Amino acid sequence: MKIKKGDNVIIIAGKDKGKTGKITQVFPELLKVVVEGLNTHFKNMRPKRQGEKGQKIEFSAPLDVSNVMLVDPKTGRATRIGTKTLASGEKVRIAKKSNEVV
């Protein structure tokens, strides 16, 4: 998986299409990511004690990694990710559109 925690991404499919956000969690074995403040769902929680009221909790649900693309640091538009080996032997991720190091 080429996308990592902390990357800025744009959503390319689904109810939040076109919105951008930061990745807070990555699940590589499931190929899913959680984007901060997007794909929000509600969960109804039962009261824990008698006399207490239940709660409605809002949370960001995981998205499939195929529905997000990295935001190019130079242009601010969606781009694919490639890799490049520097002269020092270090392997870095680059944005395909601008060849900028991510």
PDB file of N, CA and C in Angstrom:
ATOM      1  N   MET A   1       0.846  -1.174   0.000  1.00  0.00           N
ATOM      2  CA  MET A   1       0.000   0.000   0.000  1.00  0.00           C
ATOM      3  C   MET A   1       0.893   1.239   0.000  1.00  0.00           C
ATOM      4  N   LYS A   2       0.627   2.170  -0.921  1.00  0.00           N
ATOM      5  CA  LYS A   2       1.491   3.330  -1.101  1.00  0.00           C
ATOM      6  C   LYS A   2       1.094   4.534  -0.258  1.00  0.00           C
ATOM      7  N   ILE A   3      -0.106   4.501   0.319  1.00  0.00           N
ATOM      8  CA  ILE A   3      -0.585   5.621   1.132  1.00  0.00           C
ATOM      9  C   ILE A   3      -0.282   5.336   2.595  1.00  0.00           C
ATOM     10  N   LYS A   4       0.184   6.359   3.303  1.00  0.00           N
ATOM     11  CA  LYS A   4       0.583   6.187   4.700  1.00  0.00           C
ATOM     12  C   LYS A   4      -0.184   7.151   5.611  1.00  0.00           C
ATOM     13  N   LYS A   5      -0.090   6.905   6.911  1.00  0.00           N
ATOM     14  CA  LYS A   5      -0.712   7.766   7.915  1.00  0.00           C
ATOM     15  C   LYS A   5      -0.103   9.166   7.830  1.00  0.00           C
ATOM     16  N   GLY A   6      -0.961  10.191   7.858  1.00  0.00           N
ATOM     17  CA  GLY A   6      -0.488  11.568   7.798  1.00  0.00           C
ATOM     18  C   GLY A   6      -0.524  12.176   6.408  1.00  0.00           C
ATOM     19  N   ASP A   7      -0.765  11.369   5.371  1.00  0.00           N
ATOM     20  CA  ASP A   7      -0.842  11.890   4.005  1.00  0.00           C
ATOM     21  C   ASP A   7      -2.134  12.678   3.805  1.00  0.00           C
ATOM     22  N   ASN A   8      -2.064  13.707   2.973  1.00  0.00           N
ATOM     23  CA  ASN A   8      -3.257  14.431   2.566  1.00  0.00           C
ATOM     24  C   ASN A   8      -3.804  13.760   1.316  1.00  0.00           C
ATOM     25  N   VAL A   9      -5.096  13.408   1.360  1.00  0.00           N
ATOM     26  CA  VAL A   9      -5.709  12.684   0.245  1.00  0.00           C
ATOM     27  C   VAL A   9      -6.998  13.370  -0.181  1.00  0.00           C
ATOM     28  N   ILE A  10      -7.427  13.049  -1.403  1.00  0.00           N
ATOM     29  CA  ILE A  10      -8.713  13.509  -1.919  1.00  0.00           C
ATOM     30  C   ILE A  10      -9.553  12.268  -2.192  1.00  0.00           C
ATOM     31  N   ILE A  11     -10.844  12.349  -1.889  1.00  0.00           N
ATOM     32  CA  ILE A  11     -11.750  11.215  -2.092  1.00  0.00           C
ATOM     33  C   ILE A  11     -12.253  11.281  -3.532  1.00  0.00           C
ATOM     34  N   ILE A  12     -12.125  10.182  -4.270  1.00  0.00           N
ATOM     35  CA  ILE A  12     -12.496  10.172  -5.689  1.00  0.00           C
ATOM     36  C   ILE A  12     -13.792   9.417  -5.966  1.00  0.00           C
ATOM     37  N   ALA A  13     -14.388   8.783  -4.952  1.00  0.00           N
ATOM     38  CA  ALA A  13     -15.647   8.061  -5.143  1.00  0.00           C
ATOM     39  C   ALA A  13     -16.398   8.003  -3.825  1.00  0.00           C
ATOM     40  N   GLY A  14     -17.732   7.976  -3.911  1.00  0.00           N
ATOM     41  CA  GLY A  14     -18.558   7.859  -2.716  1.00  0.00           C
ATOM     42  C   GLY A  14     -19.252   9.159  -2.362  1.00  0.00           C
ATOM     43  N   LYS A  15     -19.861   9.185  -1.182  1.00  0.00           N
ATOM     44  CA  LYS A  15     -20.678  10.334  -0.780  1.00  0.00           C
ATOM     45  C   LYS A  15     -19.855  11.583  -0.503  1.00  0.00           C
ATOM     46  N   ASP A  16     -18.572  11.435  -0.183  1.00  0.00           N
ATOM     47  CA  ASP A  16     -17.700  12.577   0.096  1.00  0.00           C
ATOM     48  C   ASP A  16     -16.764  12.886  -1.069  1.00  0.00           C
ATOM     49  N   LYS A  17     -17.148  12.528  -2.277  1.00  0.00           N
ATOM     50  CA  LYS A  17     -16.308  12.719  -3.467  1.00  0.00           C
ATOM     51  C   LYS A  17     -15.897  14.184  -3.616  1.00  0.00           C
ATOM     52  N   GLY A  18     -14.598  14.406  -3.834  1.00  0.00           N
ATOM     53  CA  GLY A  18     -14.073  15.755  -4.028  1.00  0.00           C
ATOM     54  C   GLY A  18     -13.534  16.400  -2.772  1.00  0.00           C
ATOM     55  N   LYS A  19     -13.819  15.844  -1.606  1.00  0.00           N
ATOM     56  CA  LYS A  19     -13.348  16.420  -0.349  1.00  0.00           C
ATOM     57  C   LYS A  19     -11.940  15.918  -0.030  1.00  0.00           C
ATOM     58  N   THR A  20     -11.192  16.744   0.693  1.00  0.00           N
ATOM     59  CA  THR A  20      -9.830  16.365   1.058  1.00  0.00           C
ATOM     60  C   THR A  20      -9.708  16.250   2.566  1.00  0.00           C
ATOM     61  N   GLY A  21      -8.739  15.467   3.017  1.00  0.00           N
ATOM     62  CA  GLY A  21      -8.508  15.286   4.442  1.00  0.00           C
ATOM     63  C   GLY A  21      -7.204  14.557   4.691  1.00  0.00           C
ATOM     64  N   LYS A  22      -6.892  14.417   5.965  1.00  0.00           N
ATOM     65  CA  LYS A  22      -5.655  13.781   6.393  1.00  0.00           C
ATOM     66  C   LYS A  22      -5.960  12.362   6.865  1.00  0.00           C
ATOM     67  N   ILE A  23      -5.095  11.418   6.537  1.00  0.00           N
ATOM     68  CA  ILE A  23      -5.289  10.026   6.946  1.00  0.00           C
ATOM     69  C   ILE A  23      -4.888   9.874   8.410  1.00  0.00           C
ATOM     70  N   THR A  24      -5.805   9.308   9.214  1.00  0.00           N
ATOM     71  CA  THR A  24      -5.534   9.111  10.630  1.00  0.00           C
ATOM     72  C   THR A  24      -5.195   7.663  10.970  1.00  0.00           C
ATOM     73  N   GLN A  25      -5.736   6.714  10.206  1.00  0.00           N
ATOM     74  CA  GLN A  25      -5.475   5.297  10.449  1.00  0.00           C
ATOM     75  C   GLN A  25      -5.344   4.564   9.126  1.00  0.00           C
ATOM     76  N   VAL A  26      -4.510   3.537   9.100  1.00  0.00           N
ATOM     77  CA  VAL A  26      -4.330   2.703   7.909  1.00  0.00           C
ATOM     78  C   VAL A  26      -4.469   1.247   8.321  1.00  0.00           C
ATOM     79  N   PHE A  27      -5.239   0.485   7.549  1.00  0.00           N
ATOM     80  CA  PHE A  27      -5.408  -0.949   7.769  1.00  0.00           C
ATOM     81  C   PHE A  27      -4.905  -1.682   6.525  1.00  0.00           C
ATOM     82  N   PRO A  28      -3.579  -1.964   6.446  1.00  0.00           N
ATOM     83  CA  PRO A  28      -3.022  -2.558   5.226  1.00  0.00           C
ATOM     84  C   PRO A  28      -3.561  -3.946   4.893  1.00  0.00           C
ATOM     85  N   GLU A  29      -3.880  -4.745   5.904  1.00  0.00           N
ATOM     86  CA  GLU A  29      -4.379  -6.096   5.630  1.00  0.00           C
ATOM     87  C   GLU A  29      -5.790  -6.070   5.050  1.00  0.00           C
ATOM     88  N   LEU A  30      -6.572  -5.019   5.347  1.00  0.00           N
ATOM     89  CA  LEU A  30      -7.924  -4.870   4.814  1.00  0.00           C
ATOM     90  C   LEU A  30      -7.981  -3.936   3.611  1.00  0.00           C
ATOM     91  N   LEU A  31      -6.853  -3.274   3.298  1.00  0.00           N
ATOM     92  CA  LEU A  31      -6.765  -2.260   2.242  1.00  0.00           C
ATOM     93  C   LEU A  31      -7.766  -1.130   2.473  1.00  0.00           C
ATOM     94  N   LYS A  32      -7.809  -0.630   3.711  1.00  0.00           N
ATOM     95  CA  LYS A  32      -8.721   0.458   4.070  1.00  0.00           C
ATOM     96  C   LYS A  32      -7.965   1.554   4.809  1.00  0.00           C
ATOM     97  N   VAL A  33      -8.493   2.782   4.713  1.00  0.00           N
ATOM     98  CA  VAL A  33      -7.917   3.935   5.408  1.00  0.00           C
ATOM     99  C   VAL A  33      -9.047   4.738   6.046  1.00  0.00           C
ATOM    100  N   VAL A  34      -8.718   5.454   7.129  1.00  0.00           N
ATOM    101  CA  VAL A  34      -9.669   6.348   7.783  1.00  0.00           C
ATOM    102  C   VAL A  34      -9.181   7.770   7.541  1.00  0.00           C
ATOM    103  N   VAL A  35     -10.072   8.604   6.967  1.00  0.00           N
ATOM    104  CA  VAL A  35      -9.746   9.999   6.686  1.00  0.00           C
ATOM    105  C   VAL A  35     -10.445  10.868   7.714  1.00  0.00           C
ATOM    106  N   GLU A  36      -9.702  11.787   8.307  1.00  0.00           N
ATOM    107  CA  GLU A  36     -10.184  12.635   9.399  1.00  0.00           C
ATOM    108  C   GLU A  36     -11.388  13.480   8.959  1.00  0.00           C
ATOM    109  N   GLY A  37     -12.520  13.294   9.649  1.00  0.00           N
ATOM    110  CA  GLY A  37     -13.713  14.103   9.415  1.00  0.00           C
ATOM    111  C   GLY A  37     -14.539  13.729   8.202  1.00  0.00           C
ATOM    112  N   LEU A  38     -14.180  12.680   7.487  1.00  0.00           N
ATOM    113  CA  LEU A  38     -14.927  12.276   6.293  1.00  0.00           C
ATOM    114  C   LEU A  38     -15.471  10.864   6.449  1.00  0.00           C
ATOM    115  N   ASN A  39     -16.495  10.549   5.651  1.00  0.00           N
ATOM    116  CA  ASN A  39     -17.200   9.264   5.712  1.00  0.00           C
ATOM    117  C   ASN A  39     -17.718   9.011   7.125  1.00  0.00           C
ATOM    118  N   THR A  40     -18.383  10.025   7.684  1.00  0.00           N
ATOM    119  CA  THR A  40     -18.874   9.930   9.057  1.00  0.00           C
ATOM    120  C   THR A  40     -20.145   9.095   9.136  1.00  0.00           C
ATOM    121  N   HIS A  41     -20.206   8.266  10.156  1.00  0.00           N
ATOM    122  CA  HIS A  41     -21.367   7.439  10.449  1.00  0.00           C
ATOM    123  C   HIS A  41     -21.748   7.646  11.909  1.00  0.00           C
ATOM    124  N   PHE A  42     -22.973   7.246  12.254  1.00  0.00           N
ATOM    125  CA  PHE A  42     -23.445   7.355  13.625  1.00  0.00           C
ATOM    126  C   PHE A  42     -23.646   5.961  14.210  1.00  0.00           C
ATOM    127  N   LYS A  43     -23.375   5.840  15.511  1.00  0.00           N
ATOM    128  CA  LYS A  43     -23.564   4.580  16.221  1.00  0.00           C
ATOM    129  C   LYS A  43     -24.400   4.882  17.458  1.00  0.00           C
ATOM    130  N   ASN A  44     -25.475   4.124  17.649  1.00  0.00           N
ATOM    131  CA  ASN A  44     -26.322   4.310  18.819  1.00  0.00           C
ATOM    132  C   ASN A  44     -25.823   3.425  19.952  1.00  0.00           C
ATOM    133  N   MET A  45     -25.502   4.052  21.082  1.00  0.00           N
ATOM    134  CA  MET A  45     -24.989   3.316  22.231  1.00  0.00           C
ATOM    135  C   MET A  45     -26.080   3.206  23.289  1.00  0.00           C
ATOM    136  N   ARG A  46     -26.223   2.031  23.865  1.00  0.00           N
ATOM    137  CA  ARG A  46     -27.201   1.819  24.933  1.00  0.00           C
ATOM    138  C   ARG A  46     -26.687   2.421  26.230  1.00  0.00           C
ATOM    139  N   PRO A  47     -27.614   2.765  27.134  1.00  0.00           N
ATOM    140  CA  PRO A  47     -27.149   3.266  28.439  1.00  0.00           C
ATOM    141  C   PRO A  47     -26.455   2.165  29.229  1.00  0.00           C
ATOM    142  N   LYS A  48     -25.419   2.540  29.956  1.00  0.00           N
ATOM    143  CA  LYS A  48     -24.660   1.554  30.738  1.00  0.00           C
ATOM    144  C   LYS A  48     -25.309   1.294  32.089  1.00  0.00           C
ATOM    145  N   ARG A  49     -25.930   2.317  32.684  1.00  0.00           N
ATOM    146  CA  ARG A  49     -26.595   2.164  33.980  1.00  0.00           C
ATOM    147  C   ARG A  49     -28.061   2.539  33.852  1.00  0.00           C
ATOM    148  N   GLN A  50     -28.845   2.064  34.803  1.00  0.00           N
ATOM    149  CA  GLN A  50     -30.268   2.381  34.786  1.00  0.00           C
ATOM    150  C   GLN A  50     -30.464   3.859  35.092  1.00  0.00           C
ATOM    151  N   GLY A  51     -31.358   4.500  34.362  1.00  0.00           N
ATOM    152  CA  GLY A  51     -31.627   5.927  34.558  1.00  0.00           C
ATOM    153  C   GLY A  51     -30.755   6.808  33.666  1.00  0.00           C
ATOM    154  N   GLU A  52     -29.727   6.255  33.095  1.00  0.00           N
ATOM    155  CA  GLU A  52     -28.838   7.006  32.205  1.00  0.00           C
ATOM    156  C   GLU A  52     -29.415   6.971  30.789  1.00  0.00           C
ATOM    157  N   LYS A  53     -29.156   8.016  30.001  1.00  0.00           N
ATOM    158  CA  LYS A  53     -29.655   8.054  28.629  1.00  0.00           C
ATOM    159  C   LYS A  53     -28.639   7.444  27.674  1.00  0.00           C
ATOM    160  N   GLY A  54     -29.145   6.928  26.557  1.00  0.00           N
ATOM    161  CA  GLY A  54     -28.272   6.398  25.510  1.00  0.00           C
ATOM    162  C   GLY A  54     -27.611   7.551  24.757  1.00  0.00           C
ATOM    163  N   GLN A  55     -26.636   7.232  23.952  1.00  0.00           N
ATOM    164  CA  GLN A  55     -25.910   8.260  23.213  1.00  0.00           C
ATOM    165  C   GLN A  55     -25.862   7.920  21.733  1.00  0.00           C
ATOM    166  N   LYS A  56     -25.682   8.960  20.923  1.00  0.00           N
ATOM    167  CA  LYS A  56     -25.499   8.809  19.494  1.00  0.00           C
ATOM    168  C   LYS A  56     -24.080   9.284  19.199  1.00  0.00           C
ATOM    169  N   ILE A  57     -23.189   8.360  18.854  1.00  0.00           N
ATOM    170  CA  ILE A  57     -21.781   8.679  18.660  1.00  0.00           C
ATOM    171  C   ILE A  57     -21.479   8.779  17.168  1.00  0.00           C
ATOM    172  N   GLU A  58     -20.779   9.855  16.774  1.00  0.00           N
ATOM    173  CA  GLU A  58     -20.366  10.052  15.386  1.00  0.00           C
ATOM    174  C   GLU A  58     -18.907   9.637  15.244  1.00  0.00           C
ATOM    175  N   PHE A  59     -18.576   8.877  14.185  1.00  0.00           N
ATOM    176  CA  PHE A  59     -17.197   8.439  13.972  1.00  0.00           C
ATOM    177  C   PHE A  59     -16.895   8.376  12.471  1.00  0.00           C
ATOM    178  N   SER A  60     -15.621   8.436  12.129  1.00  0.00           N
ATOM    179  CA  SER A  60     -15.186   8.320  10.735  1.00  0.00           C
ATOM    180  C   SER A  60     -14.967   6.848  10.421  1.00  0.00           C
ATOM    181  N   ALA A  61     -15.721   6.333   9.449  1.00  0.00           N
ATOM    182  CA  ALA A  61     -15.621   4.925   9.071  1.00  0.00           C
ATOM    183  C   ALA A  61     -14.508   4.740   8.041  1.00  0.00           C
ATOM    184  N   PRO A  62     -13.930   3.546   7.974  1.00  0.00           N
ATOM    185  CA  PRO A  62     -12.873   3.286   6.990  1.00  0.00           C
ATOM    186  C   PRO A  62     -13.385   3.328   5.548  1.00  0.00           C
ATOM    187  N   LEU A  63     -12.522   3.799   4.659  1.00  0.00           N
ATOM    188  CA  LEU A  63     -12.786   3.828   3.223  1.00  0.00           C
ATOM    189  C   LEU A  63     -11.842   2.848   2.537  1.00  0.00           C
ATOM    190  N   ASP A  64     -12.255   2.331   1.397  1.00  0.00           N
ATOM    191  CA  ASP A  64     -11.354   1.492   0.623  1.00  0.00           C
ATOM    192  C   ASP A  64     -10.248   2.367   0.040  1.00  0.00           C
ATOM    193  N   VAL A  65      -9.031   1.851   0.013  1.00  0.00           N
ATOM    194  CA  VAL A  65      -7.879   2.635  -0.434  1.00  0.00           C
ATOM    195  C   VAL A  65      -7.999   2.996  -1.920  1.00  0.00           C
ATOM    196  N   SER A  66      -8.794   2.247  -2.687  1.00  0.00           N
ATOM    197  CA  SER A  66      -8.971   2.554  -4.106  1.00  0.00           C
ATOM    198  C   SER A  66      -9.829   3.796  -4.323  1.00  0.00           C
ATOM    199  N   ASN A  67     -10.510   4.271  -3.288  1.00  0.00           N
ATOM    200  CA  ASN A  67     -11.374   5.443  -3.400  1.00  0.00           C
ATOM    201  C   ASN A  67     -10.695   6.733  -2.971  1.00  0.00           C
ATOM    202  N   VAL A  68      -9.396   6.686  -2.670  1.00  0.00           N
ATOM    203  CA  VAL A  68      -8.659   7.897  -2.300  1.00  0.00           C
ATOM    204  C   VAL A  68      -7.404   8.022  -3.159  1.00  0.00           C
ATOM    205  N   MET A  69      -6.990   9.272  -3.409  1.00  0.00           N
ATOM    206  CA  MET A  69      -5.749   9.551  -4.127  1.00  0.00           C
ATOM    207  C   MET A  69      -4.976  10.607  -3.364  1.00  0.00           C
ATOM    208  N   LEU A  70      -3.672  10.530  -3.442  1.00  0.00           N
ATOM    209  CA  LEU A  70      -2.796  11.486  -2.785  1.00  0.00           C
ATOM    210  C   LEU A  70      -2.948  12.862  -3.427  1.00  0.00           C
ATOM    211  N   VAL A  71      -2.887  13.916  -2.608  1.00  0.00           N
ATOM    212  CA  VAL A  71      -2.926  15.288  -3.109  1.00  0.00           C
ATOM    213  C   VAL A  71      -1.492  15.696  -3.431  1.00  0.00           C
ATOM    214  N   ASP A  72      -1.292  16.188  -4.661  1.00  0.00           N
ATOM    215  CA  ASP A  72       0.031  16.631  -5.104  1.00  0.00           C
ATOM    216  C   ASP A  72       0.460  17.844  -4.283  1.00  0.00           C
ATOM    217  N   PRO A  73       1.653  17.809  -3.650  1.00  0.00           N
ATOM    218  CA  PRO A  73       2.076  18.936  -2.810  1.00  0.00           C
ATOM    219  C   PRO A  73       2.316  20.227  -3.595  1.00  0.00           C
ATOM    220  N   LYS A  74       2.596  20.117  -4.896  1.00  0.00           N
ATOM    221  CA  LYS A  74       2.881  21.299  -5.717  1.00  0.00           C
ATOM    222  C   LYS A  74       1.610  21.928  -6.296  1.00  0.00           C
ATOM    223  N   THR A  75       0.730  21.106  -6.883  1.00  0.00           N
ATOM    224  CA  THR A  75      -0.457  21.626  -7.569  1.00  0.00           C
ATOM    225  C   THR A  75      -1.730  21.560  -6.734  1.00  0.00           C
ATOM    226  N   GLY A  76      -1.790  20.673  -5.735  1.00  0.00           N
ATOM    227  CA  GLY A  76      -2.988  20.532  -4.919  1.00  0.00           C
ATOM    228  C   GLY A  76      -4.056  19.672  -5.561  1.00  0.00           C
ATOM    229  N   ARG A  77      -3.724  18.974  -6.651  1.00  0.00           N
ATOM    230  CA  ARG A  77      -4.675  18.100  -7.325  1.00  0.00           C
ATOM    231  C   ARG A  77      -4.313  16.639  -7.073  1.00  0.00           C
ATOM    232  N   ALA A  78      -5.233  15.729  -7.415  1.00  0.00           N
ATOM    233  CA  ALA A  78      -5.015  14.300  -7.203  1.00  0.00           C
ATOM    234  C   ALA A  78      -3.906  13.782  -8.105  1.00  0.00           C
ATOM    235  N   THR A  79      -3.089  12.886  -7.562  1.00  0.00           N
ATOM    236  CA  THR A  79      -1.991  12.315  -8.332  1.00  0.00           C
ATOM    237  C   THR A  79      -1.736  10.885  -7.892  1.00  0.00           C
ATOM    238  N   ARG A  80      -1.092  10.133  -8.770  1.00  0.00           N
ATOM    239  CA  ARG A  80      -0.661   8.792  -8.409  1.00  0.00           C
ATOM    240  C   ARG A  80       0.691   8.885  -7.708  1.00  0.00           C
ATOM    241  N   ILE A  81       1.128   7.770  -7.129  1.00  0.00           N
ATOM    242  CA  ILE A  81       2.367   7.757  -6.361  1.00  0.00           C
ATOM    243  C   ILE A  81       3.350   6.800  -7.026  1.00  0.00           C
ATOM    244  N   GLY A  82       4.600   7.238  -7.120  1.00  0.00           N
ATOM    245  CA  GLY A  82       5.663   6.389  -7.633  1.00  0.00           C
ATOM    246  C   GLY A  82       6.815   6.386  -6.641  1.00  0.00           C
ATOM    247  N   THR A  83       7.850   5.614  -6.952  1.00  0.00           N
ATOM    248  CA  THR A  83       9.031   5.597  -6.101  1.00  0.00           C
ATOM    249  C   THR A  83      10.247   5.964  -6.925  1.00  0.00           C
ATOM    250  N   LYS A  84      11.241   6.493  -6.240  1.00  0.00           N
ATOM    251  CA  LYS A  84      12.462   6.923  -6.902  1.00  0.00           C
ATOM    252  C   LYS A  84      13.615   6.682  -5.938  1.00  0.00           C
ATOM    253  N   THR A  85      14.750   6.227  -6.459  1.00  0.00           N
ATOM    254  CA  THR A  85      15.928   6.034  -5.635  1.00  0.00           C
ATOM    255  C   THR A  85      16.845   7.231  -5.826  1.00  0.00           C
ATOM    256  N   LEU A  86      17.177   7.900  -4.739  1.00  0.00           N
ATOM    257  CA  LEU A  86      18.061   9.062  -4.796  1.00  0.00           C
ATOM    258  C   LEU A  86      19.515   8.613  -4.951  1.00  0.00           C
ATOM    259  N   ALA A  87      20.406   9.575  -5.218  1.00  0.00           N
ATOM    260  CA  ALA A  87      21.825   9.276  -5.394  1.00  0.00           C
ATOM    261  C   ALA A  87      22.430   8.671  -4.125  1.00  0.00           C
ATOM    262  N   SER A  88      21.867   9.042  -2.966  1.00  0.00           N
ATOM    263  CA  SER A  88      22.380   8.519  -1.698  1.00  0.00           C
ATOM    264  C   SER A  88      21.919   7.085  -1.428  1.00  0.00           C
ATOM    265  N   GLY A  89      21.069   6.548  -2.296  1.00  0.00           N
ATOM    266  CA  GLY A  89      20.575   5.188  -2.125  1.00  0.00           C
ATOM    267  C   GLY A  89      19.259   5.121  -1.376  1.00  0.00           C
ATOM    268  N   GLU A  90      18.727   6.271  -0.976  1.00  0.00           N
ATOM    269  CA  GLU A  90      17.467   6.326  -0.237  1.00  0.00           C
ATOM    270  C   GLU A  90      16.297   6.232  -1.214  1.00  0.00           C
ATOM    271  N   LYS A  91      15.301   5.429  -0.862  1.00  0.00           N
ATOM    272  CA  LYS A  91      14.115   5.253  -1.693  1.00  0.00           C
ATOM    273  C   LYS A  91      13.017   6.187  -1.171  1.00  0.00           C
ATOM    274  N   VAL A  92      12.459   7.043  -2.038  1.00  0.00           N
ATOM    275  CA  VAL A  92      11.442   8.007  -1.625  1.00  0.00           C
ATOM    276  C   VAL A  92      10.212   7.879  -2.514  1.00  0.00           C
ATOM    277  N   ARG A  93       9.074   8.338  -1.981  1.00  0.00           N
ATOM    278  CA  ARG A  93       7.830   8.378  -2.765  1.00  0.00           C
ATOM    279  C   ARG A  93       7.764   9.713  -3.500  1.00  0.00           C
ATOM    280  N   ILE A  94       7.304   9.687  -4.750  1.00  0.00           N
ATOM    281  CA  ILE A  94       7.159  10.922  -5.521  1.00  0.00           C
ATOM    282  C   ILE A  94       5.741  10.998  -6.101  1.00  0.00           C
ATOM    283  N   ALA A  95       5.294  12.235  -6.346  1.00  0.00           N
ATOM    284  CA  ALA A  95       4.017  12.469  -7.018  1.00  0.00           C
ATOM    285  C   ALA A  95       4.268  12.355  -8.519  1.00  0.00           C
ATOM    286  N   LYS A  96       3.483  11.549  -9.219  1.00  0.00           N
ATOM    287  CA  LYS A  96       3.699  11.303 -10.640  1.00  0.00           C
ATOM    288  C   LYS A  96       3.503  12.553 -11.496  1.00  0.00           C
ATOM    289  N   LYS A  97       2.584  13.454 -11.120  1.00  0.00           N
ATOM    290  CA  LYS A  97       2.303  14.625 -11.954  1.00  0.00           C
ATOM    291  C   LYS A  97       3.414  15.665 -11.904  1.00  0.00           C
ATOM    292  N   SER A  98       3.996  15.896 -10.721  1.00  0.00           N
ATOM    293  CA  SER A  98       4.977  16.975 -10.581  1.00  0.00           C
ATOM    294  C   SER A  98       6.391  16.485 -10.256  1.00  0.00           C
ATOM    295  N   ASN A  99       6.557  15.173 -10.048  1.00  0.00           N
ATOM    296  CA  ASN A  99       7.844  14.597  -9.638  1.00  0.00           C
ATOM    297  C   ASN A  99       8.382  15.176  -8.347  1.00  0.00           C
ATOM    298  N   GLU A 100       7.506  15.691  -7.488  1.00  0.00           N
ATOM    299  CA  GLU A 100       7.891  16.222  -6.178  1.00  0.00           C
ATOM    300  C   GLU A 100       7.947  15.077  -5.167  1.00  0.00           C
ATOM    301  N   VAL A 101       8.887  15.146  -4.236  1.00  0.00           N
ATOM    302  CA  VAL A 101       8.986  14.145  -3.172  1.00  0.00           C
ATOM    303  C   VAL A 101       7.837  14.371  -2.198  1.00  0.00           C
ATOM    304  N   VAL A 102       7.157  13.287  -1.852  1.00  0.00           N
ATOM    305  CA  VAL A 102       6.012  13.377  -0.935  1.00  0.00           C
ATOM    306  C   VAL A 102       6.489  13.286   0.487  1.00  0.00           C
TER     307      VAL A 102
END
